[in-house]
């Protein structure tokens, strides 16, 4: 019994001693990335831009390296204005919050909307976005947003299409977190439609070779993406626009 008591006592002491260490390590893990971003953002010759990690071939995360067409444009902007441009491809909802809270200078490849216009100022146009409906090959009835009432429609959280769909009642919105799985679900009939930028959808279908899915010819909306900065940050916006000329 004395051995058991001694063991329990030592075990209690070990847990009591190690818990603060674990807690500190967790805090460091959570806040170090944000601290690093803040340091970079304070560098007068550096611009930190955040992109959506899940939008190949426009912006995507390839083994912790941001790649894509929009990333190449951002780097060209940096070359033109003489700035070091850092692009990080991260969770899109988190990216928007991070820019609003001052952890980065801007959002790369984002489409304006009335809601977003209240939070951000937008650069000159970047890339054309054709937001389109993808359906099963044999579907001939879903041609517009009005046809989607009562249907299960997949969209990405934090993306532009979800802001459009919220204006329409009766659409069953399904959040998409991974494109390949979602397009397979569409092909199998588990989703009625997916709305996404034409570039993204067609690229995913080509890469994953998913059959049984087609794009509705006419997009529901055509826009031009931009770089967004926090509302009122006119200095950074002017700098970015000078690189886009």
Protein backbone atom coordinates (compact mmCIF):
# COMPACT_ATOMS: atom_id res chain seq x y z
CA UNK A 1 0.00 0.00 0.00
CA UNK A 2 2.85 2.40 0.75
CA UNK A 3 4.27 1.76 -2.71
CA UNK A 4 0.93 2.57 -4.30
CA UNK A 5 0.57 5.74 -2.25
CA UNK A 6 4.07 6.79 -3.19
CA UNK A 7 3.37 6.17 -6.86
CA UNK A 8 0.10 8.12 -6.75
CA UNK A 9 1.81 10.98 -4.95
CA UNK A 10 4.60 11.11 -7.51
CA UNK A 11 2.10 10.84 -10.34
CA UNK A 12 0.10 13.76 -8.93
CA UNK A 13 3.26 15.82 -8.56
CA UNK A 14 4.33 15.01 -12.14
CA UNK A 15 0.97 16.06 -13.58
CA UNK A 16 0.95 19.24 -11.50
CA UNK A 17 4.46 20.11 -12.62
CA UNK A 18 4.08 19.28 -16.30
CA UNK A 19 0.68 20.91 -16.92
CA UNK A 20 1.97 24.52 -16.90
CA UNK A 21 4.70 23.53 -19.39
CA UNK A 22 2.15 21.98 -21.76
CA UNK A 23 -0.08 25.04 -21.41
CA UNK A 24 2.77 27.40 -22.30
CA UNK A 25 3.73 25.28 -25.31
CA UNK A 26 0.14 25.37 -26.55
CA UNK A 27 0.06 29.15 -26.24
CA UNK A 28 3.30 29.46 -28.17
CA UNK A 29 1.97 27.18 -30.90
CA UNK A 30 -1.18 29.27 -31.23
CA UNK A 31 0.37 32.71 -31.23
CA UNK A 32 3.80 32.39 -32.84
CA UNK A 33 2.44 32.35 -36.43
CA UNK A 34 0.43 35.49 -35.75
CA UNK A 35 3.44 37.19 -34.15
CA UNK A 36 5.54 36.37 -37.20
CA UNK A 37 2.90 37.88 -39.46
CA UNK A 38 2.74 41.01 -37.34
CA UNK A 39 6.52 41.44 -37.59
CA UNK A 40 6.41 41.04 -41.37
CA UNK A 41 3.49 43.45 -41.64
CA UNK A 42 5.46 46.08 -39.72
CA UNK A 43 8.37 45.90 -42.18
CA UNK A 44 7.96 49.01 -44.37
CA UNK A 45 9.30 47.17 -47.41
CA UNK A 46 7.16 44.04 -47.05
CA UNK A 47 3.57 43.29 -47.99
CA UNK A 48 1.88 40.23 -46.50
CA UNK A 49 -1.04 38.95 -48.57
CA UNK A 50 -3.29 36.04 -47.65
CA UNK A 51 -4.93 33.80 -50.23
CA UNK A 52 -7.43 30.97 -50.16
CA UNK A 53 -5.57 27.68 -49.67
CA UNK A 54 -8.22 25.77 -51.60
CA UNK A 55 -8.56 27.48 -55.00
CA UNK A 56 -6.24 25.79 -57.48
CA UNK A 57 -5.10 26.91 -60.02
CA UNK A 58 -5.67 30.50 -58.77
CA UNK A 59 -4.30 30.23 -55.22
CA UNK A 60 -3.47 27.08 -53.29
CA UNK A 61 -1.24 25.61 -50.62
CA UNK A 62 1.41 23.25 -51.99
CA UNK A 63 3.35 21.84 -49.02
CA UNK A 64 3.09 25.14 -47.13
CA UNK A 65 4.09 27.16 -50.22
CA UNK A 66 1.52 29.44 -51.85
CA UNK A 67 1.21 28.85 -55.59
CA UNK A 68 -1.13 29.80 -58.41
CA UNK A 69 -1.92 32.41 -61.03
CA UNK A 70 -2.85 35.09 -58.48
CA UNK A 71 0.33 34.39 -56.51
CA UNK A 72 2.41 35.01 -59.64
CA UNK A 73 0.60 38.32 -60.13
CA UNK A 74 1.28 39.30 -56.52
CA UNK A 75 4.99 38.58 -56.95
CA UNK A 76 5.04 40.68 -60.13
CA UNK A 77 3.43 43.54 -58.19
CA UNK A 78 6.23 43.28 -55.63
CA UNK A 79 8.88 43.42 -58.35
CA UNK A 80 7.29 46.52 -59.87
CA UNK A 81 6.96 48.50 -56.63
CA UNK A 82 10.22 47.25 -55.11
CA UNK A 83 8.61 45.43 -52.19
CA UNK A 84 9.08 41.97 -50.76
CA UNK A 85 5.65 40.36 -51.17
CA UNK A 86 4.87 37.39 -48.93
CA UNK A 87 1.84 35.31 -49.91
CA UNK A 88 0.41 32.74 -47.51
CA UNK A 89 -2.33 30.33 -48.61
CA UNK A 90 -4.52 29.66 -45.57
CA UNK A 91 -8.09 28.93 -44.51
CA UNK A 92 -10.17 31.57 -46.28
CA UNK A 93 -12.47 32.49 -43.41
CA UNK A 94 -9.50 32.85 -41.07
CA UNK A 95 -7.63 34.89 -43.68
CA UNK A 96 -10.41 37.47 -43.83
CA UNK A 97 -10.46 37.77 -40.05
CA UNK A 98 -6.67 38.08 -39.89
CA UNK A 99 -6.59 41.01 -42.31
CA UNK A 100 -9.36 42.77 -40.40
CA UNK A 101 -7.34 42.33 -37.19
CA UNK A 102 -4.11 43.64 -38.67
CA UNK A 103 -2.14 40.39 -38.99
CA UNK A 104 -1.65 40.88 -42.74
CA UNK A 105 -1.85 43.67 -45.30
CA UNK A 106 -4.39 42.27 -47.73
CA UNK A 107 -6.47 39.48 -49.22
CA UNK A 108 -5.41 38.12 -52.59
CA UNK A 109 -8.10 37.26 -55.16
CA UNK A 110 -11.35 38.30 -53.48
CA UNK A 111 -14.57 39.50 -55.09
CA UNK A 112 -16.37 42.61 -53.81
CA UNK A 113 -19.88 42.36 -52.37
CA UNK A 114 -22.08 44.83 -50.46
CA UNK A 115 -21.16 43.10 -47.19
CA UNK A 116 -17.44 43.07 -47.95
CA UNK A 117 -17.49 46.69 -49.14
CA UNK A 118 -18.24 47.72 -45.56
CA UNK A 119 -15.10 45.97 -44.29
CA UNK A 120 -12.52 46.35 -47.05
CA UNK A 121 -11.29 48.66 -49.77
CA UNK A 122 -10.57 46.96 -53.10
CA UNK A 123 -7.80 47.31 -55.65
CA UNK A 124 -8.08 47.56 -59.41
CA UNK A 125 -9.32 44.37 -61.13
CA UNK A 126 -7.15 41.27 -60.92
CA UNK A 127 -8.75 38.22 -62.60
CA UNK A 128 -12.09 37.48 -64.23
CA UNK A 129 -14.42 35.26 -62.19
CA UNK A 130 -17.29 33.42 -63.89
CA UNK A 131 -19.36 32.00 -61.03
CA UNK A 132 -21.06 28.98 -62.55
CA UNK A 133 -23.40 26.13 -61.70
CA UNK A 134 -22.08 22.58 -62.01
CA UNK A 135 -24.67 19.79 -62.26
CA UNK A 136 -24.95 16.14 -63.28
CA UNK A 137 -24.50 15.43 -66.98
CA UNK A 138 -28.11 14.35 -67.46
CA UNK A 139 -29.63 17.34 -65.68
CA UNK A 140 -31.52 19.72 -67.97
CA UNK A 141 -33.65 21.60 -65.43
CA UNK A 142 -31.11 23.50 -63.31
CA UNK A 143 -30.08 26.51 -65.39
CA UNK A 144 -30.17 29.48 -62.99
CA UNK A 145 -30.25 30.37 -59.29
CA UNK A 146 -34.06 30.42 -59.37
CA UNK A 147 -34.01 26.75 -60.39
CA UNK A 148 -32.04 25.86 -57.24
CA UNK A 149 -34.90 26.39 -54.78
CA UNK A 150 -35.48 23.18 -52.86
CA UNK A 151 -32.14 21.78 -54.05
CA UNK A 152 -28.98 20.91 -52.15
CA UNK A 153 -26.26 23.25 -53.41
CA UNK A 154 -22.58 23.08 -52.44
CA UNK A 155 -20.58 26.28 -51.87
CA UNK A 156 -17.37 27.13 -50.07
CA UNK A 157 -17.69 28.84 -46.66
CA UNK A 158 -16.43 32.41 -46.80
CA UNK A 159 -16.54 32.48 -50.61
CA UNK A 160 -18.45 34.87 -52.85
CA UNK A 161 -21.21 32.46 -54.06
CA UNK A 162 -22.59 31.97 -50.56
CA UNK A 163 -23.29 35.71 -50.29
CA UNK A 164 -25.35 35.51 -53.49
CA UNK A 165 -27.31 32.43 -52.41
CA UNK A 166 -28.30 33.98 -49.09
CA UNK A 167 -30.50 36.41 -50.99
CA UNK A 168 -32.64 33.50 -52.22
CA UNK A 169 -35.00 31.58 -49.97
CA UNK A 170 -35.51 27.85 -50.16
CA UNK A 171 -32.01 26.79 -51.24
CA UNK A 172 -30.43 24.08 -49.10
CA UNK A 173 -26.82 25.30 -48.77
CA UNK A 174 -24.19 22.62 -48.18
CA UNK A 175 -20.71 23.75 -47.12
CA UNK A 176 -17.79 22.48 -49.22
CA UNK A 177 -14.42 21.92 -47.58
CA UNK A 178 -12.75 19.74 -50.20
CA UNK A 179 -13.44 20.03 -53.93
CA UNK A 180 -12.70 16.49 -55.13
CA UNK A 181 -15.00 14.86 -52.58
CA UNK A 182 -17.75 17.38 -53.28
CA UNK A 183 -17.65 16.88 -57.05
CA UNK A 184 -17.76 13.12 -56.49
CA UNK A 185 -20.85 13.68 -54.32
CA UNK A 186 -22.37 15.73 -57.13
CA UNK A 187 -21.64 12.99 -59.66
CA UNK A 188 -23.25 10.43 -57.33
CA UNK A 189 -26.36 12.56 -56.81
CA UNK A 190 -25.69 13.43 -53.16
CA UNK A 191 -25.57 17.10 -54.20
CA UNK A 192 -27.84 18.72 -56.78
CA UNK A 193 -25.40 21.44 -57.78
CA UNK A 194 -22.14 23.18 -56.94
CA UNK A 195 -21.52 26.88 -57.50
CA UNK A 196 -17.91 27.96 -57.92
CA UNK A 197 -15.67 30.02 -60.19
CA UNK A 198 -15.50 28.27 -63.56
CA UNK A 199 -11.69 28.10 -63.39
CA UNK A 200 -11.76 26.24 -60.08
CA UNK A 201 -14.48 23.76 -61.03
CA UNK A 202 -13.13 22.85 -64.44
CA UNK A 203 -9.60 22.52 -63.08
CA UNK A 204 -10.77 20.13 -60.36
CA UNK A 205 -12.74 18.00 -62.81
CA UNK A 206 -9.71 17.76 -65.11
CA UNK A 207 -7.32 16.93 -62.27
CA UNK A 208 -9.49 14.35 -60.52
CA UNK A 209 -11.01 12.98 -63.76
CA UNK A 210 -14.50 12.88 -62.29
CA UNK A 211 -17.15 11.90 -64.83
CA UNK A 212 -20.86 12.65 -64.95
CA UNK A 213 -20.60 16.38 -64.19
CA UNK A 214 -21.05 19.36 -66.52
CA UNK A 215 -21.04 23.12 -66.25
CA UNK A 216 -24.14 25.19 -67.04
CA UNK A 217 -23.11 27.34 -69.98
CA UNK A 218 -24.15 30.77 -68.72
CA UNK A 219 -22.57 31.86 -65.41
CA UNK A 220 -24.87 33.17 -62.70
CA UNK A 221 -22.57 36.17 -62.29
CA UNK A 222 -19.34 37.50 -63.76
CA UNK A 223 -17.00 39.61 -61.66
CA UNK A 224 -13.36 40.62 -61.44
CA UNK A 225 -11.42 39.61 -58.37
CA UNK A 226 -9.22 42.12 -56.57
CA UNK A 227 -6.85 42.57 -53.66
CA UNK A 228 -8.63 43.81 -50.53
CA UNK A 229 -7.18 45.83 -47.66
CA UNK A 230 -8.77 46.93 -44.41
CA UNK A 231 -11.24 49.76 -44.81
CA UNK A 232 -9.40 53.07 -44.78
CA UNK A 233 -5.92 51.69 -45.50
CA UNK A 234 -5.53 53.99 -48.49
CA UNK A 235 -1.72 53.96 -48.38
CA UNK A 236 -1.44 50.20 -48.90
CA UNK A 237 -4.22 50.27 -51.49
CA UNK A 238 -2.45 52.99 -53.50
CA UNK A 239 0.78 50.99 -53.36
CA UNK A 240 -0.92 47.84 -54.65
CA UNK A 241 -2.74 49.73 -57.40
CA UNK A 242 0.52 51.28 -58.56
CA UNK A 243 1.84 47.75 -59.07
CA UNK A 244 -1.23 46.73 -61.06
CA UNK A 245 -0.91 49.55 -63.61
